[in-house]
Amino acid sequence: TEALDYIIHFFFFLSGSIENFLSAYYSQEQSMINYLLTADADRSKFVAIGGRYEFKKVESVKAYQRPEAADILCSLTVRIADTVNQEEISQEYMITLVQESDKYYVKDIDTKIY
């Protein structure tokens, strides 16, 4: 059960970090986005989206981490709403996270899914 407790703990904190980041990303909170990034993240990739879309929820998270690797690669499907016509759509992302102590920070983002 210790392994199961670790997995639950891992996904609880991982999902919370992802939701905090996406909420800031879609609501134009640039200072919060910057706070949630690793020191070596390319900040030009993380400019807040201009208010057209609203973050609703994370629909799915698949996290992968190689043994001995610091990076955690997350394949995400998120639900967003168009603020003009209220239509909800799904958006996919690949986000790279790095754990520092008990927090997860975003290192990279890609909207292209391979």
Protein backbone atom coordinates (compact mmCIF):
# COMPACT_ATOMS: atom_id res chain seq x y z
CA THR A 1 0.00 0.00 0.00
CA GLU A 2 2.99 2.32 0.38
CA ALA A 3 3.46 2.35 -3.42
CA LEU A 4 -0.25 3.10 -3.89
CA ASP A 5 -0.07 5.95 -1.36
CA TYR A 6 2.88 7.41 -3.32
CA ILE A 7 0.99 7.21 -6.64
CA ILE A 8 -2.09 8.89 -5.17
CA HIS A 9 0.09 11.60 -3.57
CA PHE A 10 2.01 12.07 -6.85
CA PHE A 11 -1.11 12.50 -9.01
CA PHE A 12 -2.85 14.70 -6.44
CA PHE A 13 0.01 17.23 -6.41
CA LEU A 14 0.74 16.83 -10.11
CA SER A 15 -2.88 17.50 -11.10
CA GLY A 16 -3.10 20.47 -8.74
CA SER A 17 0.03 22.02 -10.25
CA ILE A 18 -1.28 21.51 -13.78
CA GLU A 19 -4.67 23.05 -12.93
CA ASN A 20 -3.04 26.06 -11.23
CA PHE A 21 -0.81 26.63 -14.25
CA LEU A 22 -3.62 26.31 -16.83
CA SER A 23 -5.93 28.53 -14.81
CA ALA A 24 -3.27 31.26 -14.77
CA TYR A 25 -2.40 30.65 -18.44
CA TYR A 26 -5.98 31.12 -19.62
CA SER A 27 -6.82 34.02 -17.29
CA GLN A 28 -3.83 36.19 -18.23
CA GLU A 29 -2.13 36.01 -14.83
CA GLN A 30 1.41 36.42 -16.14
CA SER A 31 2.99 36.84 -12.70
CA MET A 32 1.46 33.54 -11.55
CA ILE A 33 2.60 31.81 -14.74
CA ASN A 34 6.15 33.05 -14.16
CA TYR A 35 6.01 31.82 -10.55
CA LEU A 36 5.02 28.32 -11.71
CA LEU A 37 7.88 28.00 -14.23
CA THR A 38 11.30 26.44 -13.70
CA ALA A 39 14.27 28.80 -13.75
CA ASP A 40 15.40 27.44 -17.14
CA ALA A 41 11.97 27.53 -18.86
CA ASP A 42 11.78 29.48 -22.12
CA ARG A 43 9.48 32.27 -20.94
CA SER A 44 8.61 33.28 -24.51
CA LYS A 45 6.53 30.07 -24.74
CA PHE A 46 4.47 31.02 -21.71
CA VAL A 47 2.71 34.26 -22.55
CA ALA A 48 -0.80 34.26 -21.12
CA ILE A 49 -3.59 33.59 -23.60
CA GLY A 50 -5.53 36.74 -24.41
CA GLY A 51 -8.87 36.09 -22.75
CA ARG A 52 -10.72 34.55 -25.71
CA TYR A 53 -10.82 31.14 -24.02
CA GLU A 54 -11.62 30.17 -20.46
CA PHE A 55 -10.08 27.15 -18.75
CA LYS A 56 -12.77 24.74 -17.52
CA LYS A 57 -11.07 21.53 -16.38
CA VAL A 58 -8.42 18.91 -16.99
CA GLU A 59 -10.11 15.97 -18.68
CA SER A 60 -7.14 13.59 -18.63
CA VAL A 61 -3.51 13.42 -17.56
CA LYS A 62 -1.01 10.78 -18.58
CA ALA A 63 2.32 11.26 -16.85
CA TYR A 64 5.58 9.61 -17.82
CA GLN A 65 8.92 9.72 -16.07
CA ARG A 66 12.03 7.72 -16.90
CA PRO A 67 13.94 6.23 -13.99
CA GLU A 68 16.65 8.65 -12.85
CA ALA A 69 15.10 11.51 -14.88
CA ALA A 70 14.01 14.79 -13.34
CA ASP A 71 11.54 15.69 -16.09
CA ILE A 72 7.95 14.44 -15.95
CA LEU A 73 6.26 14.46 -19.35
CA CYS A 74 2.49 14.97 -19.16
CA SER A 75 0.05 14.44 -22.00
CA LEU A 76 -3.04 16.51 -21.21
CA THR A 77 -6.51 16.94 -22.58
CA VAL A 78 -8.20 20.03 -21.18
CA ARG A 79 -11.66 21.49 -21.61
CA ILE A 80 -11.87 25.17 -22.53
CA ALA A 81 -14.77 27.47 -23.43
CA ASP A 82 -14.84 30.10 -26.15
CA THR A 83 -15.92 33.28 -24.35
CA VAL A 84 -17.51 34.70 -27.52
CA ASN A 85 -19.95 31.87 -28.33
CA GLN A 86 -19.66 29.74 -25.13
CA GLU A 87 -18.78 26.64 -27.17
CA GLU A 88 -16.67 24.16 -25.22
CA ILE A 89 -13.81 22.37 -26.94
CA SER A 90 -10.96 20.07 -25.99
CA GLN A 91 -7.32 21.12 -26.31
CA GLU A 92 -4.31 18.83 -26.04
CA TYR A 93 -0.95 19.76 -24.56
CA MET A 94 2.36 18.15 -23.74
CA ILE A 95 3.72 19.76 -20.59
CA THR A 96 7.05 18.99 -18.98
CA LEU A 97 7.15 19.33 -15.21
CA VAL A 98 10.03 19.19 -12.75
CA GLN A 99 9.60 18.42 -9.05
CA GLU A 100 11.41 20.62 -6.54
CA SER A 101 10.74 19.56 -2.94
CA ASP A 102 6.97 19.09 -2.71
CA LYS A 103 6.12 21.38 -5.65
CA TYR A 104 5.96 20.84 -9.39
CA TYR A 105 7.09 23.54 -11.81
CA VAL A 106 6.45 23.79 -15.54
CA LYS A 107 9.53 23.55 -17.74
CA ASP A 108 8.02 23.28 -21.24
CA ILE A 109 4.73 23.32 -23.15
CA ASP A 110 3.79 22.10 -26.60
CA THR A 111 0.39 22.13 -28.29
CA LYS A 112 1.56 19.66 -30.93
CA ILE A 113 0.80 16.08 -29.99
CA TYR A 114 2.97 13.48 -31.69
